[in-house]
Structure formats: C-alpha cells, structure tokens
Amino acid sequence: MADSDFRAQIKGFSLTTAEILYRLPDHPALLQSYVWQDYDLHPRFPKLLAFLEYWKKNLEGKLFKVTVAHRGLIQPAELKMLAADYRLN
C-alpha cells in the first residue's frame, strides 16, 4: 500500500511550512516562534487555517505573524536532449 504522504501529493497537496510568531501570554512584549508543517492544498491552505483557528480559540498566545512556504514535491521531470548516443559493451 502506498504511503499516505505520497497519496496526498498525488491528490494535489504540497508540503507546507508555516512559521508562527506569537506573543507570550505572561510577557506580551516578547515573541516566541513555532514551526508548523503538514501537507496542505495551495493556495487556500485549509489545514493551516483550521490549525490557526484552533490556536485562536484554545491557546493563550496571541498570534503576531504567520509566514507560509510551500513546495510541491512531485513535479514533471526535467529532461535534457543529448546530441549523441553512447553505448558500452
């Protein structure tokens, strides 16, 4: 059986990483960094948005900034045409 991450990539999911900066509840002048990573659908990112909604409802650290990066891992192969054909015996 195929790996679940591979199946997600076939369905159009791409590896998504978000750096979440949030304010510490006891010291709001200080920022803390949290890195979230999962397979998500570009450009709407439903899993990331669901996580951020959960964060706002259940965690005390107020969100300051979210930076998102994503990369589709399955892409068409790059081909180079060669001018010659070499054979080894």
Protein backbone atom coordinates (compact mmCIF):
# COMPACT_ATOMS: atom_id res chain seq x y z
CA MET A 1 0.00 0.00 0.00
CA ALA A 2 1.25 3.49 -0.87
CA ASP A 3 2.42 5.89 1.82
CA SER A 4 -0.27 8.37 2.94
CA ASP A 5 2.02 11.35 2.27
CA PHE A 6 2.61 10.14 -1.30
CA ARG A 7 -1.12 9.70 -1.85
CA ALA A 8 -1.71 13.25 -0.58
CA GLN A 9 0.84 14.59 -3.06
CA ILE A 10 -0.87 12.78 -5.93
CA LYS A 11 -4.13 14.49 -4.91
CA GLY A 12 -2.50 17.93 -5.19
CA PHE A 13 -1.30 18.51 -1.64
CA SER A 14 2.10 20.14 -1.21
CA LEU A 15 4.46 20.29 1.72
CA THR A 16 3.58 23.45 3.63
CA THR A 17 5.63 25.04 6.38
CA ALA A 18 4.43 27.95 8.50
CA GLU A 19 6.49 29.92 10.96
CA ILE A 20 4.11 31.29 13.57
CA LEU A 21 5.23 34.18 15.73
CA TYR A 22 3.09 34.70 18.80
CA ARG A 23 3.18 36.81 21.94
CA LEU A 24 3.97 35.10 25.22
CA PRO A 25 0.89 35.22 27.48
CA ASP A 26 2.83 36.28 30.60
CA HIS A 27 5.13 38.69 28.73
CA PRO A 28 3.25 40.15 25.72
CA ALA A 29 6.27 42.27 24.68
CA LEU A 30 8.20 39.05 23.87
CA LEU A 31 7.67 36.93 20.76
CA GLN A 32 8.04 33.16 20.51
CA SER A 33 8.38 31.16 17.28
CA TYR A 34 6.53 27.94 16.44
CA VAL A 35 7.02 25.93 13.22
CA TRP A 36 4.04 24.03 11.77
CA GLN A 37 4.45 21.59 8.87
CA ASP A 38 1.97 19.37 7.05
CA TYR A 39 0.68 18.56 3.57
CA ASP A 40 -1.88 21.16 2.54
CA LEU A 41 -3.66 22.47 -0.56
CA HIS A 42 -2.20 25.62 -2.12
CA PRO A 43 -3.41 28.46 -2.26
CA ARG A 44 -6.22 28.23 0.31
CA PHE A 45 -4.36 26.12 2.91
CA PRO A 46 -7.43 24.65 4.70
CA LYS A 47 -5.39 22.58 7.21
CA LEU A 48 -3.26 25.55 8.21
CA LEU A 49 -6.30 27.81 8.59
CA ALA A 50 -8.04 25.17 10.73
CA PHE A 51 -4.93 24.96 12.92
CA LEU A 52 -4.79 28.74 13.30
CA GLU A 53 -8.49 28.84 14.24
CA TYR A 54 -7.84 26.16 16.85
CA TRP A 55 -4.89 28.24 18.12
CA LYS A 56 -7.01 31.40 18.48
CA LYS A 57 -9.81 29.56 20.31
CA ASN A 58 -7.77 27.33 22.63
CA LEU A 59 -4.32 28.81 23.24
CA GLU A 60 -3.43 31.93 25.16
CA GLY A 61 -0.56 33.21 22.98
CA LYS A 62 -1.89 35.91 20.66
CA LEU A 63 -0.79 35.48 17.04
CA PHE A 64 1.60 38.15 15.77
CA LYS A 65 2.74 36.98 12.33
CA VAL A 66 2.44 33.85 10.16
CA THR A 67 4.89 33.22 7.30
CA VAL A 68 3.96 30.41 4.90
CA ALA A 69 6.14 28.49 2.45
CA HIS A 70 5.08 25.54 0.34
CA ARG A 71 6.66 23.28 -2.22
CA GLY A 72 5.09 20.72 -4.50
CA LEU A 73 7.37 17.70 -4.27
CA ILE A 74 6.04 15.79 -7.27
CA GLN A 75 6.84 17.68 -10.45
CA PRO A 76 7.47 16.84 -14.08
CA ALA A 77 10.99 15.60 -14.63
CA GLU A 78 13.49 17.86 -16.30
CA LEU A 79 14.83 16.32 -19.49
CA LYS A 80 17.89 17.26 -21.49
CA MET A 81 18.30 16.12 -25.05
CA LEU A 82 21.77 14.78 -25.81
CA ALA A 83 23.45 15.25 -29.16
CA ALA A 84 24.99 11.77 -29.11
CA ASP A 85 24.16 8.25 -28.05
CA TYR A 86 26.88 6.29 -26.24
CA ARG A 87 26.88 2.54 -25.76
CA LEU A 88 29.09 0.45 -23.51
CA ASN A 89 29.74 -3.20 -24.23
